[in-house]
Amino acid sequence: MPEIAFTDVAPVVPVRNLAAALERYRRLGFAARAYDGPERYG
């Protein structure tokens, strides 16, 4: 079986307040941003 190596990950975690969640992830050191479009996610 070939070895699998991840170079990036993009987890999807449901939250009640997107702005607050993105700010929390930024304070933890992650690069977090909201995406444009009809669906709100970051």
C-alpha atoms as a PDB file:
ATOM      1  CA  MET A   1       0.000   0.000   0.000  1.00  0.00           C
ATOM      2  CA  PRO A   2       1.453   3.442  -0.925  1.00  0.00           C
ATOM      3  CA  GLU A   3       2.295   5.886   1.853  1.00  0.00           C
ATOM      4  CA  ILE A   4      -0.066   8.865   2.174  1.00  0.00           C
ATOM      5  CA  ALA A   5       1.375  12.271   3.087  1.00  0.00           C
ATOM      6  CA  PHE A   6      -0.820  15.261   3.855  1.00  0.00           C
ATOM      7  CA  THR A   7       0.538  18.703   2.975  1.00  0.00           C
ATOM      8  CA  ASP A   8      -2.546  20.715   4.062  1.00  0.00           C
ATOM      9  CA  VAL A   9      -5.700  20.146   6.050  1.00  0.00           C
ATOM     10  CA  ALA A  10      -8.938  22.132   6.143  1.00  0.00           C
ATOM     11  CA  PRO A  11     -11.107  20.954   9.043  1.00  0.00           C
ATOM     12  CA  VAL A  12     -14.807  21.800   9.123  1.00  0.00           C
ATOM     13  CA  VAL A  13     -16.075  22.493  12.646  1.00  0.00           C
ATOM     14  CA  PRO A  14     -19.633  23.786  13.140  1.00  0.00           C
ATOM     15  CA  VAL A  15     -19.860  26.896  15.359  1.00  0.00           C
ATOM     16  CA  ARG A  16     -22.687  29.178  16.474  1.00  0.00           C
ATOM     17  CA  ASN A  17     -20.716  32.412  16.071  1.00  0.00           C
ATOM     18  CA  LEU A  18     -18.345  32.414  13.090  1.00  0.00           C
ATOM     19  CA  ALA A  19     -16.722  35.776  13.884  1.00  0.00           C
ATOM     20  CA  ALA A  20     -15.956  34.752  17.477  1.00  0.00           C
ATOM     21  CA  ALA A  21     -14.607  31.372  16.373  1.00  0.00           C
ATOM     22  CA  LEU A  22     -12.319  32.896  13.745  1.00  0.00           C
ATOM     23  CA  GLU A  23     -10.955  35.391  16.277  1.00  0.00           C
ATOM     24  CA  ARG A  24     -10.285  32.592  18.763  1.00  0.00           C
ATOM     25  CA  TYR A  25      -8.381  30.562  16.150  1.00  0.00           C
ATOM     26  CA  ARG A  26      -6.338  33.666  15.236  1.00  0.00           C
ATOM     27  CA  ARG A  27      -5.407  34.180  18.907  1.00  0.00           C
ATOM     28  CA  LEU A  28      -4.306  30.532  19.006  1.00  0.00           C
ATOM     29  CA  GLY A  29      -1.931  31.226  16.110  1.00  0.00           C
ATOM     30  CA  PHE A  30      -3.909  29.854  13.165  1.00  0.00           C
ATOM     31  CA  ALA A  31      -4.435  31.708   9.900  1.00  0.00           C
ATOM     32  CA  ALA A  32      -8.229  31.999   9.896  1.00  0.00           C
ATOM     33  CA  ARG A  33     -10.492  33.900   7.531  1.00  0.00           C
ATOM     34  CA  ALA A  34     -14.115  33.902   6.440  1.00  0.00           C
ATOM     35  CA  TYR A  35     -14.874  32.895   2.866  1.00  0.00           C
ATOM     36  CA  ASP A  36     -17.050  34.989   0.574  1.00  0.00           C
ATOM     37  CA  GLY A  37     -20.214  33.476  -0.787  1.00  0.00           C
ATOM     38  CA  PRO A  38     -23.754  32.555   0.171  1.00  0.00           C
ATOM     39  CA  GLU A  39     -22.627  29.968   2.741  1.00  0.00           C
ATOM     40  CA  ARG A  40     -20.896  31.320   5.829  1.00  0.00           C
ATOM     41  CA  TYR A  41     -17.781  29.372   6.724  1.00  0.00           C
ATOM     42  CA  GLY A  42     -14.161  30.055   7.479  1.00  0.00           C
END
